[in-house]
Protein backbone atom coordinates (compact mmCIF):
# COMPACT_ATOMS: atom_id res chain seq x y z
CA MET A 1 273.21 200.19 60.60
CA ASN A 2 274.43 203.17 62.63
CA ALA A 3 271.39 203.42 64.88
CA LEU A 4 273.05 201.66 67.82
CA GLY A 5 275.95 204.10 67.96
CA THR A 6 273.73 207.10 67.23
CA ALA A 7 271.33 206.21 70.03
CA ALA A 8 274.26 205.67 72.39
CA THR A 9 275.51 209.23 71.77
CA GLY A 10 271.99 210.48 72.49
CA MET A 11 271.93 208.65 75.82
CA LEU A 12 275.33 210.06 76.77
CA ALA A 13 274.15 213.56 75.87
CA GLN A 14 271.09 213.23 78.08
CA GLN A 15 273.27 211.97 80.92
CA THR A 16 275.27 215.19 80.62
CA GLN A 17 272.04 217.19 80.58
CA VAL A 18 270.89 215.51 83.78
CA ASP A 19 274.29 216.13 85.42
CA VAL A 20 274.04 219.86 84.64
CA ILE A 21 270.45 220.07 85.87
CA ALA A 22 271.31 218.22 89.09
CA HIS A 23 274.16 220.66 89.72
CA ASN A 24 271.81 223.61 89.16
CA ILE A 25 269.17 222.25 91.54
CA ALA A 26 271.78 221.42 94.18
CA ASN A 27 272.90 225.08 94.13
CA ALA A 28 269.42 226.60 94.12
CA ASN A 29 270.18 228.31 97.45
CA THR A 30 273.87 229.11 96.83
CA THR A 31 274.61 232.84 97.08
CA GLY A 32 275.38 234.36 93.68
CA PHE A 33 275.26 231.01 91.85
CA LYS A 34 274.73 231.12 88.08
CA ALA A 35 272.86 228.22 86.50
CA GLY A 36 274.41 226.33 83.60
CA ARG A 37 272.84 225.06 80.40
CA ALA A 38 274.20 222.15 78.39
CA ALA A 39 274.62 222.89 74.67
CA PHE A 40 274.82 220.17 72.02
CA GLN A 41 275.93 219.80 68.40
CA ASP A 42 275.10 217.16 65.82
CA LEU A 43 277.95 214.86 64.79
CA ILE A 44 279.41 214.42 61.31
CA TYR A 45 277.16 213.05 58.57
CA GLN A 46 277.67 210.10 56.24
CA THR A 47 276.76 211.08 52.67
CA GLN A 48 275.32 208.16 50.72
CA ARG A 49 274.19 210.25 47.74
CA ARG A 50 275.20 213.84 47.07
CA GLU A 51 272.84 216.65 46.14
CA GLY A 52 273.19 217.72 42.53
CA ALA A 53 274.32 214.29 41.35
CA LEU A 54 272.98 213.33 37.90
CA THR A 55 270.12 210.87 37.99
CA GLY A 56 269.77 210.22 34.27
CA GLU A 57 271.19 210.82 30.81
CA ASP A 58 268.82 213.75 30.32
CA GLY A 59 270.82 215.81 32.80
CA ALA A 60 268.34 215.62 35.66
CA ALA A 61 270.02 216.20 39.01
CA ARG A 62 269.20 215.03 42.50
CA PRO A 63 267.63 217.96 44.41
CA VAL A 64 268.60 216.71 47.86
CA ALA A 65 271.31 214.54 49.34
CA VAL A 66 271.03 211.40 51.42
CA ASP A 67 272.97 212.42 54.54
CA ILE A 68 272.74 210.14 57.57
CA GLY A 69 273.68 211.75 60.87
CA LEU A 70 275.78 209.90 63.42
CA GLY A 71 274.41 211.39 66.60
CA VAL A 72 275.11 214.21 69.02
CA GLN A 73 277.94 215.56 71.14
CA THR A 74 278.18 218.02 74.03
CA SER A 75 279.66 221.29 72.80
CA GLY A 76 279.76 223.09 76.14
CA VAL A 77 277.99 224.12 79.32
CA ILE A 78 276.87 227.74 79.05
CA ARG A 79 276.63 229.70 82.29
CA MET A 80 273.58 231.96 82.44
CA SER A 81 274.62 235.41 83.64
CA THR A 82 271.18 236.75 84.53
CA GLN A 83 271.02 238.31 87.97
CA GLY A 84 269.39 236.54 90.88
CA GLY A 85 267.01 238.29 93.23
CA LEU A 86 268.33 240.33 96.15
CA GLN A 87 267.70 239.06 99.67
CA ALA A 88 267.85 241.38 102.70
CA THR A 89 270.10 240.12 105.49
CA ASP A 90 270.66 243.23 107.65
CA ASN A 91 274.32 242.19 107.97
CA GLN A 92 276.42 245.32 107.47
CA LEU A 93 279.18 243.38 105.68
CA ASP A 94 276.85 241.66 103.22
CA ILE A 95 277.03 243.31 99.78
CA ALA A 96 275.05 242.50 96.65
CA ILE A 97 275.97 243.70 93.16
CA ASP A 98 272.87 245.12 91.52
CA GLY A 99 273.94 244.78 87.89
CA ARG A 100 277.12 243.67 86.10
CA GLY A 101 280.45 243.04 87.73
CA TYR A 102 282.40 240.80 90.11
CA PHE A 103 284.19 241.32 93.38
CA SER A 104 287.93 240.80 93.06
CA VAL A 105 289.57 238.73 95.81
CA THR A 106 293.07 237.43 96.48
CA ARG A 107 293.41 233.77 97.41
CA PRO A 108 295.96 232.44 99.93
CA ASP A 109 298.40 231.54 97.13
CA GLY A 110 298.37 235.16 95.92
CA SER A 111 296.32 234.54 92.79
CA SER A 112 293.28 236.62 91.88
CA ALA A 113 289.75 235.27 91.66
CA TYR A 114 286.33 236.79 91.10
CA THR A 115 282.98 236.23 92.77
CA ARG A 116 279.39 237.46 93.00
CA ASP A 117 279.12 236.19 96.57
CA GLY A 118 279.19 239.29 98.77
CA SER A 119 278.86 237.58 102.17
CA PHE A 120 281.98 239.14 103.68
CA ASN A 121 283.39 238.94 107.19
CA LEU A 122 286.36 240.33 109.13
CA SER A 123 289.65 238.51 109.59
CA PRO A 124 291.48 238.57 112.97
CA GLU A 125 293.42 241.54 111.58
CA GLY A 126 290.20 243.39 110.74
CA GLU A 127 290.53 242.88 106.97
CA ILE A 128 287.42 242.23 104.86
CA VAL A 129 287.46 238.62 103.63
CA THR A 130 285.16 236.02 102.08
CA LEU A 131 283.82 233.04 104.03
CA ASN A 132 286.93 231.13 102.90
CA GLY A 133 289.29 233.86 104.05
CA ASP A 134 290.05 235.29 100.59
CA LEU A 135 290.96 238.97 100.85
CA LEU A 136 288.66 241.52 99.20
CA GLN A 137 290.50 243.87 96.83
CA PRO A 138 291.51 246.58 97.27
CA ALA A 139 292.48 245.44 100.77
CA MET A 140 291.31 247.56 103.69
CA ALA A 141 291.27 247.07 107.46
CA VAL A 142 288.42 247.99 109.81
CA PRO A 143 289.57 249.63 113.10
CA GLU A 144 289.13 247.48 116.18
CA ASP A 145 286.67 249.78 117.99
CA THR A 146 284.41 250.34 114.98
CA THR A 147 280.76 250.60 115.97
CA LYS A 148 279.19 250.81 112.52
CA ILE A 149 280.15 250.31 108.87
CA GLU A 150 278.46 252.04 105.95
CA ILE A 151 278.93 251.09 102.30
CA SER A 152 277.66 253.51 99.66
CA PRO A 153 276.20 252.34 96.33
CA ASP A 154 279.41 253.42 94.55
CA GLY A 155 281.51 251.22 96.85
CA GLN A 156 282.93 253.65 99.39
CA ILE A 157 283.37 252.02 102.81
CA MET A 158 283.16 254.21 105.92
CA ALA A 159 283.60 253.24 109.57
CA TYR A 160 282.30 254.96 112.67
CA VAL A 161 285.04 254.48 115.24
CA GLY A 162 284.42 254.76 118.96
CA SER A 163 282.50 257.92 119.87
CA GLU A 164 283.58 259.85 116.79
CA VAL A 165 280.74 261.62 115.00
CA MET A 166 282.37 261.71 111.57
CA PRO A 167 283.18 258.40 109.87
CA GLN A 168 286.59 257.34 108.62
CA VAL A 169 286.84 256.47 104.90
CA LEU A 170 288.52 253.05 104.74
CA GLY A 171 288.61 252.66 100.97
CA LYS A 172 286.50 251.95 97.94
CA VAL A 173 285.41 248.62 96.53
CA GLU A 174 286.17 248.22 92.82
CA LEU A 175 284.38 245.78 90.57
CA ALA A 176 285.76 243.80 87.65
CA THR A 177 283.92 243.26 84.37
CA PHE A 178 284.69 240.89 81.50
CA ILE A 179 283.92 240.98 77.80
CA ASN A 180 282.82 237.34 77.89
CA GLU A 181 281.55 236.43 81.36
CA ALA A 182 280.59 232.94 80.15
CA GLY A 183 284.28 232.29 79.49
CA LEU A 184 285.22 232.51 83.18
CA LYS A 185 286.34 229.23 84.74
CA SER A 186 284.35 227.99 87.74
CA VAL A 187 286.63 226.54 90.43
CA GLY A 188 284.16 226.07 93.28
CA ASP A 189 283.73 228.09 96.49
CA ASN A 190 281.68 230.60 94.42
CA LEU A 191 284.89 231.69 92.66
CA PHE A 192 285.75 232.25 89.00
CA LEU A 193 289.12 232.55 87.31
CA GLU A 194 290.14 234.61 84.31
CA THR A 195 290.75 232.66 81.09
CA SER A 196 291.76 233.48 77.55
CA ALA A 197 288.08 233.10 76.60
CA SER A 198 286.81 235.57 79.21
CA GLY A 199 289.33 238.28 78.38
CA THR A 200 291.23 240.29 80.95
CA PRO A 201 289.34 241.86 83.86
CA VAL A 202 288.49 245.54 83.51
CA PRO A 203 288.55 247.37 86.87
CA VAL A 204 285.57 249.69 87.12
CA GLU A 205 283.87 251.78 89.77
CA ALA A 206 280.43 250.60 90.88
CA GLY A 207 277.72 252.36 88.90
CA VAL A 208 280.13 253.50 86.14
CA ASP A 209 280.49 252.19 82.56
CA GLY A 210 277.66 249.70 82.93
CA ALA A 211 278.81 248.20 86.24
CA GLY A 212 276.22 247.53 88.91
CA LEU A 213 275.64 249.41 92.13
CA LEU A 214 276.42 247.93 95.55
CA ARG A 215 273.60 247.20 98.00
CA GLN A 216 274.70 246.94 101.63
CA GLY A 217 272.78 244.48 103.77
CA TYR A 218 271.72 242.34 100.80
CA LEU A 219 272.93 239.15 99.12
CA GLU A 220 272.25 237.97 95.58
CA ARG A 221 270.24 234.77 95.38
CA SER A 222 270.95 232.00 92.90
CA ASN A 223 269.38 232.57 89.47
CA VAL A 224 268.22 228.94 89.28
CA ASP A 225 264.58 228.59 88.20
CA VAL A 226 263.67 225.35 89.97
CA ILE A 227 260.41 224.86 88.05
CA LYS A 228 262.24 225.14 84.71
CA GLN A 229 264.94 222.78 85.94
CA ILE A 230 262.34 220.15 86.84
CA THR A 231 260.70 220.55 83.42
CA ASP A 232 264.08 220.17 81.70
CA LEU A 233 264.79 217.12 83.85
CA ILE A 234 261.59 215.41 82.73
CA THR A 235 262.40 216.26 79.09
CA ALA A 236 265.90 214.79 79.45
CA GLN A 237 264.49 211.65 81.04
CA ARG A 238 262.02 211.12 78.19
CA ALA A 239 264.72 211.74 75.57
CA TYR A 240 266.95 209.19 77.31
CA GLU A 241 264.11 206.66 77.24
CA MET A 242 263.49 207.27 73.52
CA ASN A 243 267.18 206.83 72.71
CA SER A 244 267.13 203.60 74.70
CA LYS A 245 264.08 202.48 72.73
CA ALA A 246 265.85 203.29 69.44
CA MET A 247 268.81 201.17 70.56
CA THR A 248 266.49 198.28 71.46
CA THR A 249 264.71 198.55 68.11
CA ALA A 250 268.01 198.55 66.18
CA ASP A 251 269.15 195.49 68.14
CA GLN A 252 265.89 193.66 67.33
CA MET A 253 266.27 194.48 63.63
CA LEU A 254 269.83 193.15 63.61
CA GLN A 255 268.69 190.02 65.45
CA THR A 256 265.96 189.47 62.85
CA ALA A 257 268.50 189.87 60.01
CA ASN A 258 270.84 187.38 61.66
CA GLN A 259 268.06 184.79 61.86
CA ILE A 260 267.36 184.81 58.10
CA ARG A 261 268.23 181.41 56.60
């Protein structure tokens, strides 16, 4: 009897499902967070009788096989790339990407990372950085006596310095797109890293070649649908209970067989 092992794989799978759902709910208010979805695959089958096998001397063949499955396994956690809603903040350094694309930042060790979190601030040197101090690329510094910053939808950043009427152009924010966004590696702090699965980043101007536009004074909300997460959580709980019941039933059947004299 394989039911004990099969039910155990089902319970493990539902534990993974609950872990993913809990992570989604915990980040329901995280800027730019993308919800994950656990994906599963059935395990290998044991074939007790093959389809097409002869069942008699008259040449009759078995139309179907007797294949007994051995359970389930987690095949991956798929990140949902749908865009979250935009929230107005009135902070002139907050930027939301309305569409595809990621901000490119440089971490303290010099490596590149990518994020949808556009809650930027200024470093002591006047450079535009993330909340963790990662430098926005391309790097640009805001003059000390800047009174106002304007960011156009195509990413151009302009600063009004002192009493000057005309703004200074500081630079232009470029976005990065990927062939397979789901292949990016999450490393925490709202950052993603390039992988062989994601493909190399393609630098692109905001609003060009399918990239999104930039919205100054806005942040992208998480795309977590809390109601759906709660529904999925209840479903996972019931599936876990049913797998537990299957394990209990298999144990009772084995106990009954062992008691036969």
